[in-house]
Amino acid sequence: TLYLQMSELRPEDTGVYYCARARSYSTVPRGYDYWGQGTQVTVS
């Protein structure tokens, strides 16, 4: 299980958050081969 603890949330953090897996280091989406369906975070 992977976690993301988010604190001091701001309205600009609002969006759909996805987890993903990569076989090598990458910070861009094309580097990841598996993705979750996403979960909505709304800061308001």
All heavy atoms as atom14 arrays in JSON, in Angstrom:
{
  "sequence": "TLYLQMSELRPEDTGVYYCARARSYSTVPRGYDYWGQGTQVTVS",
  "atom14_mask": [
    [1, 1, 1, 1, 1, 1, 1, 0, 0, 0, 0, 0, 0, 0],
    [1, 1, 1, 1, 1, 1, 1, 1, 0, 0, 0, 0, 0, 0],
    [1, 1, 1, 1, 1, 1, 1, 1, 1, 1, 1, 1, 0, 0],
    [1, 1, 1, 1, 1, 1, 1, 1, 0, 0, 0, 0, 0, 0],
    [1, 1, 1, 1, 1, 1, 1, 1, 1, 0, 0, 0, 0, 0],
    [1, 1, 1, 1, 1, 1, 1, 1, 0, 0, 0, 0, 0, 0],
    [1, 1, 1, 1, 1, 1, 0, 0, 0, 0, 0, 0, 0, 0],
    [1, 1, 1, 1, 1, 1, 1, 1, 1, 0, 0, 0, 0, 0],
    [1, 1, 1, 1, 1, 1, 1, 1, 0, 0, 0, 0, 0, 0],
    [1, 1, 1, 1, 1, 1, 1, 1, 1, 1, 1, 0, 0, 0],
    [1, 1, 1, 1, 1, 1, 1, 0, 0, 0, 0, 0, 0, 0],
    [1, 1, 1, 1, 1, 1, 1, 1, 1, 0, 0, 0, 0, 0],
    [1, 1, 1, 1, 1, 1, 1, 1, 0, 0, 0, 0, 0, 0],
    [1, 1, 1, 1, 1, 1, 1, 0, 0, 0, 0, 0, 0, 0],
    [1, 1, 1, 1, 0, 0, 0, 0, 0, 0, 0, 0, 0, 0],
    [1, 1, 1, 1, 1, 1, 1, 0, 0, 0, 0, 0, 0, 0],
    [1, 1, 1, 1, 1, 1, 1, 1, 1, 1, 1, 1, 0, 0],
    [1, 1, 1, 1, 1, 1, 1, 1, 1, 1, 1, 1, 0, 0],
    [1, 1, 1, 1, 1, 1, 0, 0, 0, 0, 0, 0, 0, 0],
    [1, 1, 1, 1, 1, 0, 0, 0, 0, 0, 0, 0, 0, 0],
    [1, 1, 1, 1, 1, 1, 1, 1, 1, 1, 1, 0, 0, 0],
    [1, 1, 1, 1, 1, 0, 0, 0, 0, 0, 0, 0, 0, 0],
    [1, 1, 1, 1, 1, 1, 1, 1, 1, 1, 1, 0, 0, 0],
    [1, 1, 1, 1, 1, 1, 0, 0, 0, 0, 0, 0, 0, 0],
    [1, 1, 1, 1, 1, 1, 1, 1, 1, 1, 1, 1, 0, 0],
    [1, 1, 1, 1, 1, 1, 0, 0, 0, 0, 0, 0, 0, 0],
    [1, 1, 1, 1, 1, 1, 1, 0, 0, 0, 0, 0, 0, 0],
    [1, 1, 1, 1, 1, 1, 1, 0, 0, 0, 0, 0, 0, 0],
    [1, 1, 1, 1, 1, 1, 1, 0, 0, 0, 0, 0, 0, 0],
    [1, 1, 1, 1, 1, 1, 1, 1, 1, 1, 1, 0, 0, 0],
    [1, 1, 1, 1, 0, 0, 0, 0, 0, 0, 0, 0, 0, 0],
    [1, 1, 1, 1, 1, 1, 1, 1, 1, 1, 1, 1, 0, 0],
    [1, 1, 1, 1, 1, 1, 1, 1, 0, 0, 0, 0, 0, 0],
    [1, 1, 1, 1, 1, 1, 1, 1, 1, 1, 1, 1, 0, 0],
    [1, 1, 1, 1, 1, 1, 1, 1, 1, 1, 1, 1, 1, 1],
    [1, 1, 1, 1, 0, 0, 0, 0, 0, 0, 0, 0, 0, 0],
    [1, 1, 1, 1, 1, 1, 1, 1, 1, 0, 0, 0, 0, 0],
    [1, 1, 1, 1, 0, 0, 0, 0, 0, 0, 0, 0, 0, 0],
    [1, 1, 1, 1, 1, 1, 1, 0, 0, 0, 0, 0, 0, 0],
    [1, 1, 1, 1, 1, 1, 1, 1, 1, 0, 0, 0, 0, 0],
    [1, 1, 1, 1, 1, 1, 1, 0, 0, 0, 0, 0, 0, 0],
    [1, 1, 1, 1, 1, 1, 1, 0, 0, 0, 0, 0, 0, 0],
    [1, 1, 1, 1, 1, 1, 1, 0, 0, 0, 0, 0, 0, 0],
    [1, 1, 1, 1, 1, 1, 0, 0, 0, 0, 0, 0, 0, 0]
  ],
  "atom14_positions": [
    [[0.83, -1.2, 0.0], [0.0, 0.0, 0.0], [0.87, 1.25, 0.0], [1.83, 1.35, 0.77], [-0.94, 0.02, 1.21], [-1.76, -1.16, 1.19], [-1.84, 1.24, 1.18], [0.0, 0.0, 0.0], [0.0, 0.0, 0.0], [0.0, 0.0, 0.0], [0.0, 0.0, 0.0], [0.0, 0.0, 0.0], [0.0, 0.0, 0.0], [0.0, 0.0, 0.0]],
    [[0.5, 2.2, -0.84], [1.16, 3.49, -0.95], [0.27, 4.54, -0.3], [-0.95, 4.48, -0.4], [1.38, 3.83, -2.42], [2.02, 5.18, -2.76], [3.5, 5.16, -2.42], [1.8, 5.51, -4.23], [0.0, 0.0, 0.0], [0.0, 0.0, 0.0], [0.0, 0.0, 0.0], [0.0, 0.0, 0.0], [0.0, 0.0, 0.0], [0.0, 0.0, 0.0]],
    [[0.89, 5.52, 0.35], [0.15, 6.57, 1.03], [0.64, 7.95, 0.59], [1.79, 8.13, 0.21], [0.3, 6.48, 2.54], [-0.17, 5.18, 3.13], [0.74, 4.18, 3.47], [-1.52, 4.96, 3.37], [0.31, 2.99, 4.01], [-1.95, 3.76, 3.91], [-1.04, 2.79, 4.23], [-1.46, 1.6, 4.78], [0.0, 0.0, 0.0], [0.0, 0.0, 0.0]],
    [[-0.25, 8.92, 0.67], [0.11, 10.32, 0.53], [-0.59, 11.08, 1.63], [-1.81, 11.24, 1.6], [-0.28, 10.88, -0.84], [0.16, 12.32, -1.1], [1.69, 12.4, -1.2], [-0.48, 12.88, -2.36], [0.0, 0.0, 0.0], [0.0, 0.0, 0.0], [0.0, 0.0, 0.0], [0.0, 0.0, 0.0], [0.0, 0.0, 0.0], [0.0, 0.0, 0.0]],
    [[0.18, 11.53, 2.62], [-0.35, 12.36, 3.68], [-0.25, 13.81, 3.25], [0.85, 14.31, 3.0], [0.43, 12.14, 4.98], [-0.02, 13.0, 6.14], [-1.42, 12.68, 6.6], [-1.74, 11.52, 6.84], [-2.26, 13.69, 6.71], [0.0, 0.0, 0.0], [0.0, 0.0, 0.0], [0.0, 0.0, 0.0], [0.0, 0.0, 0.0], [0.0, 0.0, 0.0]],
    [[-1.37, 14.48, 3.15], [-1.42, 15.86, 2.69], [-1.87, 16.75, 3.84], [-2.9, 16.5, 4.47], [-2.38, 16.0, 1.51], [-2.02, 15.1, 0.33], [-3.07, 15.4, -1.11], [-4.64, 14.79, -0.48], [0.0, 0.0, 0.0], [0.0, 0.0, 0.0], [0.0, 0.0, 0.0], [0.0, 0.0, 0.0], [0.0, 0.0, 0.0], [0.0, 0.0, 0.0]],
    [[-1.11, 17.81, 4.08], [-1.42, 18.76, 5.13], [-1.38, 20.17, 4.55], [-0.85, 20.39, 3.46], [-0.43, 18.64, 6.29], [-0.46, 17.36, 6.87], [0.0, 0.0, 0.0], [0.0, 0.0, 0.0], [0.0, 0.0, 0.0], [0.0, 0.0, 0.0], [0.0, 0.0, 0.0], [0.0, 0.0, 0.0], [0.0, 0.0, 0.0], [0.0, 0.0, 0.0]],
    [[-1.93, 21.12, 5.3], [-1.97, 22.51, 4.88], [-2.51, 22.63, 3.46], [-1.96, 23.34, 2.61], [-0.59, 23.14, 4.98], [0.02, 23.09, 6.37], [1.42, 23.66, 6.43], [1.6, 24.82, 6.01], [2.34, 22.95, 6.87], [0.0, 0.0, 0.0], [0.0, 0.0, 0.0], [0.0, 0.0, 0.0], [0.0, 0.0, 0.0], [0.0, 0.0, 0.0]],
    [[-3.6, 21.96, 3.22], [-4.17, 21.91, 1.87], [-4.7, 23.27, 1.44], [-5.23, 24.04, 2.25], [-5.27, 20.86, 1.81], [-4.74, 19.42, 1.76], [-5.85, 18.44, 2.12], [-4.18, 19.11, 0.38], [0.0, 0.0, 0.0], [0.0, 0.0, 0.0], [0.0, 0.0, 0.0], [0.0, 0.0, 0.0], [0.0, 0.0, 0.0], [0.0, 0.0, 0.0]],
    [[-4.55, 23.54, 0.17], [-4.96, 24.79, -0.44], [-5.96, 24.52, -1.56], [-5.97, 23.44, -2.12], [-3.73, 25.5, -1.03], [-2.59, 25.7, -0.06], [-1.3, 26.0, -0.79], [-0.17, 26.16, 0.12], [1.1, 26.15, -0.26], [1.41, 25.98, -1.54], [2.06, 26.31, 0.63], [0.0, 0.0, 0.0], [0.0, 0.0, 0.0], [0.0, 0.0, 0.0]],
    [[-6.79, 25.5, -1.89], [-7.73, 25.3, -3.0], [-7.05, 24.86, -4.29], [-7.63, 24.07, -5.05], [-8.38, 26.68, -3.15], [-8.33, 27.25, -1.77], [-7.01, 26.78, -1.21], [0.0, 0.0, 0.0], [0.0, 0.0, 0.0], [0.0, 0.0, 0.0], [0.0, 0.0, 0.0], [0.0, 0.0, 0.0], [0.0, 0.0, 0.0], [0.0, 0.0, 0.0]],
    [[-5.85, 25.32, -4.54], [-5.14, 24.94, -5.76], [-4.66, 23.5, -5.76], [-4.15, 23.02, -6.77], [-3.96, 25.89, -6.02], [-3.01, 26.04, -4.85], [-3.28, 27.28, -4.02], [-4.47, 27.58, -3.76], [-2.32, 27.96, -3.62], [0.0, 0.0, 0.0], [0.0, 0.0, 0.0], [0.0, 0.0, 0.0], [0.0, 0.0, 0.0], [0.0, 0.0, 0.0]],
    [[-4.81, 22.79, -4.63], [-4.52, 21.37, -4.58], [-5.67, 20.53, -5.11], [-5.54, 19.31, -5.25], [-4.21, 20.92, -3.14], [-2.92, 21.52, -2.61], [-1.93, 21.59, -3.37], [-2.9, 21.9, -1.42], [0.0, 0.0, 0.0], [0.0, 0.0, 0.0], [0.0, 0.0, 0.0], [0.0, 0.0, 0.0], [0.0, 0.0, 0.0], [0.0, 0.0, 0.0]],
    [[-6.79, 21.15, -5.38], [-7.97, 20.44, -5.86], [-7.7, 19.76, -7.2], [-7.15, 20.37, -8.12], [-9.16, 21.41, -6.0], [-9.52, 21.9, -4.71], [-10.36, 20.71, -6.62], [0.0, 0.0, 0.0], [0.0, 0.0, 0.0], [0.0, 0.0, 0.0], [0.0, 0.0, 0.0], [0.0, 0.0, 0.0], [0.0, 0.0, 0.0], [0.0, 0.0, 0.0]],
    [[-8.07, 18.5, -7.29], [-7.89, 17.76, -8.53], [-8.06, 16.27, -8.3], [-8.4, 15.82, -7.21], [0.0, 0.0, 0.0], [0.0, 0.0, 0.0], [0.0, 0.0, 0.0], [0.0, 0.0, 0.0], [0.0, 0.0, 0.0], [0.0, 0.0, 0.0], [0.0, 0.0, 0.0], [0.0, 0.0, 0.0], [0.0, 0.0, 0.0], [0.0, 0.0, 0.0]],
    [[-7.82, 15.51, -9.34], [-7.86, 14.06, -9.26], [-6.45, 13.55, -9.02], [-5.53, 13.88, -9.77], [-8.45, 13.43, -10.54], [-8.47, 11.91, -10.42], [-9.85, 13.96, -10.79], [0.0, 0.0, 0.0], [0.0, 0.0, 0.0], [0.0, 0.0, 0.0], [0.0, 0.0, 0.0], [0.0, 0.0, 0.0], [0.0, 0.0, 0.0], [0.0, 0.0, 0.0]],
    [[-6.29, 12.75, -7.99], [-4.98, 12.22, -7.63], [-4.88, 10.76, -8.03], [-5.78, 9.96, -7.77], [-4.75, 12.37, -6.12], [-4.43, 13.79, -5.73], [-5.39, 14.79, -5.81], [-3.15, 14.14, -5.28], [-5.09, 16.1, -5.48], [-2.85, 15.44, -4.94], [-3.82, 16.42, -5.04], [-3.51, 17.72, -4.7], [0.0, 0.0, 0.0], [0.0, 0.0, 0.0]],
    [[-3.77, 10.42, -8.69], [-3.54, 9.08, -9.2], [-2.27, 8.5, -8.6], [-1.28, 9.2, -8.42], [-3.34, 9.1, -10.72], [-4.51, 9.63, -11.51], [-4.62, 10.99, -11.78], [-5.47, 8.77, -12.02], [-5.68, 11.49, -12.52], [-6.52, 9.26, -12.77], [-6.62, 10.61, -13.02], [-7.67, 11.09, -13.77], [0.0, 0.0, 0.0], [0.0, 0.0, 0.0]],
    [[-2.28, 7.21, -8.32], [-1.04, 6.52, -8.02], [-0.6, 5.73, -9.24], [-1.42, 5.36, -10.09], [-1.16, 5.61, -6.79], [-2.12, 4.11, -7.01], [0.0, 0.0, 0.0], [0.0, 0.0, 0.0], [0.0, 0.0, 0.0], [0.0, 0.0, 0.0], [0.0, 0.0, 0.0], [0.0, 0.0, 0.0], [0.0, 0.0, 0.0], [0.0, 0.0, 0.0]],
    [[0.7, 5.5, -9.35], [1.25, 4.84, -10.52], [2.54, 4.11, -10.16], [3.19, 4.44, -9.17], [1.52, 5.87, -11.62], [0.0, 0.0, 0.0], [0.0, 0.0, 0.0], [0.0, 0.0, 0.0], [0.0, 0.0, 0.0], [0.0, 0.0, 0.0], [0.0, 0.0, 0.0], [0.0, 0.0, 0.0], [0.0, 0.0, 0.0], [0.0, 0.0, 0.0]],
    [[2.91, 3.14, -11.0], [4.12, 2.36, -10.79], [5.05, 2.5, -11.97], [4.61, 2.5, -13.13], [3.78, 0.88, -10.59], [4.96, 0.05, -10.11], [4.8, -1.42, -10.45], [5.04, -1.68, -11.86], [5.05, -2.89, -12.41], [4.82, -3.96, -11.65], [5.28, -3.04, -13.71], [0.0, 0.0, 0.0], [0.0, 0.0, 0.0], [0.0, 0.0, 0.0]],
    [[6.34, 2.62, -11.69], [7.37, 2.68, -12.72], [8.45, 1.66, -12.42], [8.68, 1.29, -11.26], [7.97, 4.07, -12.81], [0.0, 0.0, 0.0], [0.0, 0.0, 0.0], [0.0, 0.0, 0.0], [0.0, 0.0, 0.0], [0.0, 0.0, 0.0], [0.0, 0.0, 0.0], [0.0, 0.0, 0.0], [0.0, 0.0, 0.0], [0.0, 0.0, 0.0]],
    [[9.14, 1.23, -13.45], [10.25, 0.31, -13.29], [11.59, 1.01, -13.17], [12.57, 0.39, -12.76], [10.27, -0.69, -14.46], [9.14, -1.7, -14.4], [9.1, -2.57, -15.64], [8.64, -1.82, -16.8], [8.44, -2.36, -18.0], [8.7, -3.66, -18.19], [8.01, -1.61, -19.0], [0.0, 0.0, 0.0], [0.0, 0.0, 0.0], [0.0, 0.0, 0.0]],
    [[11.62, 2.3, -13.49], [12.83, 3.1, -13.34], [12.42, 4.53, -13.0], [11.27, 4.91, -13.2], [13.7, 3.06, -14.6], [12.99, 3.54, -15.72], [0.0, 0.0, 0.0], [0.0, 0.0, 0.0], [0.0, 0.0, 0.0], [0.0, 0.0, 0.0], [0.0, 0.0, 0.0], [0.0, 0.0, 0.0], [0.0, 0.0, 0.0], [0.0, 0.0, 0.0]],
    [[13.37, 5.31, -12.52], [13.08, 6.65, -12.04], [12.5, 7.55, -13.12], [13.04, 7.66, -14.22], [14.35, 7.3, -11.48], [14.12, 8.66, -10.88], [13.83, 8.79, -9.52], [14.2, 9.81, -11.65], [13.61, 10.03, -8.96], [13.98, 11.06, -11.1], [13.68, 11.17, -9.75], [13.46, 12.4, -9.19], [0.0, 0.0, 0.0], [0.0, 0.0, 0.0]],
    [[11.4, 8.2, -12.79], [10.77, 9.12, -13.71], [9.84, 10.04, -12.94], [9.22, 9.63, -11.95], [9.98, 8.38, -14.78], [9.31, 9.28, -15.64], [0.0, 0.0, 0.0], [0.0, 0.0, 0.0], [0.0, 0.0, 0.0], [0.0, 0.0, 0.0], [0.0, 0.0, 0.0], [0.0, 0.0, 0.0], [0.0, 0.0, 0.0], [0.0, 0.0, 0.0]],
    [[9.73, 11.28, -13.4], [8.78, 12.24, -12.84], [7.77, 12.7, -13.88], [7.09, 13.71, -13.69], [9.5, 13.45, -12.24], [10.29, 14.1, -13.25], [10.41, 13.04, -11.08], [0.0, 0.0, 0.0], [0.0, 0.0, 0.0], [0.0, 0.0, 0.0], [0.0, 0.0, 0.0], [0.0, 0.0, 0.0], [0.0, 0.0, 0.0], [0.0, 0.0, 0.0]],
    [[7.65, 11.96, -14.97], [6.67, 12.28, -16.01], [5.77, 11.08, -16.23], [6.18, 9.94, -16.04], [7.35, 12.7, -17.33], [8.15, 13.98, -17.12], [8.27, 11.6, -17.85], [0.0, 0.0, 0.0], [0.0, 0.0, 0.0], [0.0, 0.0, 0.0], [0.0, 0.0, 0.0], [0.0, 0.0, 0.0], [0.0, 0.0, 0.0], [0.0, 0.0, 0.0]],
    [[4.52, 11.32, -16.64], [3.56, 10.22, -16.76], [4.0, 9.08, -17.67], [3.68, 7.92, -17.39], [2.31, 10.92, -17.3], [2.41, 12.31, -16.78], [3.88, 12.62, -16.85], [0.0, 0.0, 0.0], [0.0, 0.0, 0.0], [0.0, 0.0, 0.0], [0.0, 0.0, 0.0], [0.0, 0.0, 0.0], [0.0, 0.0, 0.0], [0.0, 0.0, 0.0]],
    [[4.7, 9.39, -18.77], [5.08, 8.35, -19.72], [6.04, 7.33, -19.13], [6.23, 6.26, -19.71], [5.68, 8.96, -20.98], [7.04, 9.63, -20.79], [7.59, 10.08, -22.14], [8.89, 10.7, -22.02], [9.1, 12.0, -21.82], [8.06, 12.81, -21.74], [10.32, 12.48, -21.71], [0.0, 0.0, 0.0], [0.0, 0.0, 0.0], [0.0, 0.0, 0.0]],
    [[6.65, 7.63, -17.99], [7.55, 6.69, -17.35], [6.85, 5.63, -16.52], [7.52, 4.72, -16.03], [0.0, 0.0, 0.0], [0.0, 0.0, 0.0], [0.0, 0.0, 0.0], [0.0, 0.0, 0.0], [0.0, 0.0, 0.0], [0.0, 0.0, 0.0], [0.0, 0.0, 0.0], [0.0, 0.0, 0.0], [0.0, 0.0, 0.0], [0.0, 0.0, 0.0]],
    [[5.55, 5.71, -16.39], [4.79, 4.82, -15.53], [3.92, 3.87, -16.34], [3.24, 4.3, -17.28], [3.97, 5.64, -14.53], [4.88, 6.29, -13.52], [5.6, 7.43, -13.86], [5.05, 5.74, -12.26], [6.49, 8.0, -12.95], [5.93, 6.31, -11.35], [6.65, 7.43, -11.7], [7.53, 8.0, -10.8], [0.0, 0.0, 0.0], [0.0, 0.0, 0.0]],
    [[3.96, 2.6, -15.96], [3.29, 1.58, -16.75], [1.96, 1.11, -16.18], [1.17, 0.48, -16.89], [4.22, 0.38, -16.99], [4.84, -0.17, -15.71], [4.5, 0.3, -14.61], [5.66, -1.1, -15.82], [0.0, 0.0, 0.0], [0.0, 0.0, 0.0], [0.0, 0.0, 0.0], [0.0, 0.0, 0.0], [0.0, 0.0, 0.0], [0.0, 0.0, 0.0]],
    [[1.69, 1.38, -14.92], [0.41, 1.04, -14.31], [-0.14, 2.23, -13.56], [0.61, 2.94, -12.88], [0.53, -0.16, -13.36], [0.79, -1.46, -14.07], [2.07, -1.98, -14.18], [-0.27, -2.18, -14.63], [2.3, -3.17, -14.84], [-0.04, -3.37, -15.29], [1.25, -3.86, -15.39], [1.48, -5.05, -16.05], [0.0, 0.0, 0.0], [0.0, 0.0, 0.0]],
    [[-1.45, 2.43, -13.65], [-2.12, 3.56, -13.05], [-3.39, 3.13, -12.34], [-4.08, 2.21, -12.77], [-2.5, 4.6, -14.11], [-1.33, 5.27, -14.73], [-0.56, 4.81, -15.76], [-0.8, 6.55, -14.37], [0.43, 5.72, -16.06], [0.3, 6.8, -15.22], [-1.14, 7.5, -13.42], [1.05, 7.96, -15.15], [-0.39, 8.66, -13.34], [0.69, 8.88, -14.2]],
    [[-3.7, 3.83, -11.24], [-4.99, 3.65, -10.61], [-6.05, 4.48, -11.3], [-5.78, 5.2, -12.26], [0.0, 0.0, 0.0], [0.0, 0.0, 0.0], [0.0, 0.0, 0.0], [0.0, 0.0, 0.0], [0.0, 0.0, 0.0], [0.0, 0.0, 0.0], [0.0, 0.0, 0.0], [0.0, 0.0, 0.0], [0.0, 0.0, 0.0], [0.0, 0.0, 0.0]],
    [[-7.27, 4.36, -10.81], [-8.39, 5.05, -11.44], [-8.51, 6.51, -11.02], [-9.23, 7.28, -11.65], [-9.7, 4.31, -11.11], [-10.33, 4.65, -9.76], [-9.56, 4.1, -8.57], [-8.67, 3.27, -8.71], [-9.93, 4.55, -7.37], [0.0, 0.0, 0.0], [0.0, 0.0, 0.0], [0.0, 0.0, 0.0], [0.0, 0.0, 0.0], [0.0, 0.0, 0.0]],
    [[-7.82, 6.9, -9.96], [-7.86, 8.26, -9.48], [-8.87, 8.46, -8.37], [-9.89, 7.77, -8.3], [0.0, 0.0, 0.0], [0.0, 0.0, 0.0], [0.0, 0.0, 0.0], [0.0, 0.0, 0.0], [0.0, 0.0, 0.0], [0.0, 0.0, 0.0], [0.0, 0.0, 0.0], [0.0, 0.0, 0.0], [0.0, 0.0, 0.0], [0.0, 0.0, 0.0]],
    [[-8.59, 9.42, -7.5], [-9.51, 9.78, -6.44], [-9.57, 11.31, -6.35], [-8.55, 11.99, -6.42], [-9.09, 9.15, -5.09], [-10.09, 9.42, -4.1], [-7.74, 9.67, -4.61], [0.0, 0.0, 0.0], [0.0, 0.0, 0.0], [0.0, 0.0, 0.0], [0.0, 0.0, 0.0], [0.0, 0.0, 0.0], [0.0, 0.0, 0.0], [0.0, 0.0, 0.0]],
    [[-10.77, 11.83, -6.22], [-10.98, 13.28, -6.23], [-10.65, 13.89, -4.88], [-11.1, 13.41, -3.84], [-12.43, 13.6, -6.6], [-12.79, 15.08, -6.55], [-12.17, 15.87, -7.67], [-12.13, 15.41, -8.81], [-11.68, 17.07, -7.37], [0.0, 0.0, 0.0], [0.0, 0.0, 0.0], [0.0, 0.0, 0.0], [0.0, 0.0, 0.0], [0.0, 0.0, 0.0]],
    [[-9.87, 14.97, -4.91], [-9.59, 15.77, -3.73], [-10.11, 17.18, -4.0], [-9.75, 17.8, -5.01], [-8.09, 15.82, -3.42], [-7.79, 16.82, -2.31], [-7.59, 14.43, -3.03], [0.0, 0.0, 0.0], [0.0, 0.0, 0.0], [0.0, 0.0, 0.0], [0.0, 0.0, 0.0], [0.0, 0.0, 0.0], [0.0, 0.0, 0.0], [0.0, 0.0, 0.0]],
    [[-10.95, 17.67, -3.12], [-11.49, 19.01, -3.26], [-11.2, 19.8, -1.99], [-11.57, 19.38, -0.89], [-13.01, 18.97, -3.51], [-13.28, 18.22, -4.69], [-13.56, 20.39, -3.68], [0.0, 0.0, 0.0], [0.0, 0.0, 0.0], [0.0, 0.0, 0.0], [0.0, 0.0, 0.0], [0.0, 0.0, 0.0], [0.0, 0.0, 0.0], [0.0, 0.0, 0.0]],
    [[-10.54, 20.93, -2.15], [-10.2, 21.8, -1.02], [-11.03, 23.06, -1.17], [-10.8, 23.87, -2.08], [-8.71, 22.12, -0.98], [-8.39, 22.95, 0.27], [-7.88, 20.84, -1.01], [0.0, 0.0, 0.0], [0.0, 0.0, 0.0], [0.0, 0.0, 0.0], [0.0, 0.0, 0.0], [0.0, 0.0, 0.0], [0.0, 0.0, 0.0], [0.0, 0.0, 0.0]],
    [[-11.99, 23.22, -0.29], [-12.93, 24.34, -0.41], [-13.53, 24.65, 0.95], [-13.72, 23.77, 1.79], [-14.05, 23.99, -1.4], [-15.01, 25.03, -1.46], [0.0, 0.0, 0.0], [0.0, 0.0, 0.0], [0.0, 0.0, 0.0], [0.0, 0.0, 0.0], [0.0, 0.0, 0.0], [0.0, 0.0, 0.0], [0.0, 0.0, 0.0], [0.0, 0.0, 0.0]]
  ]
}
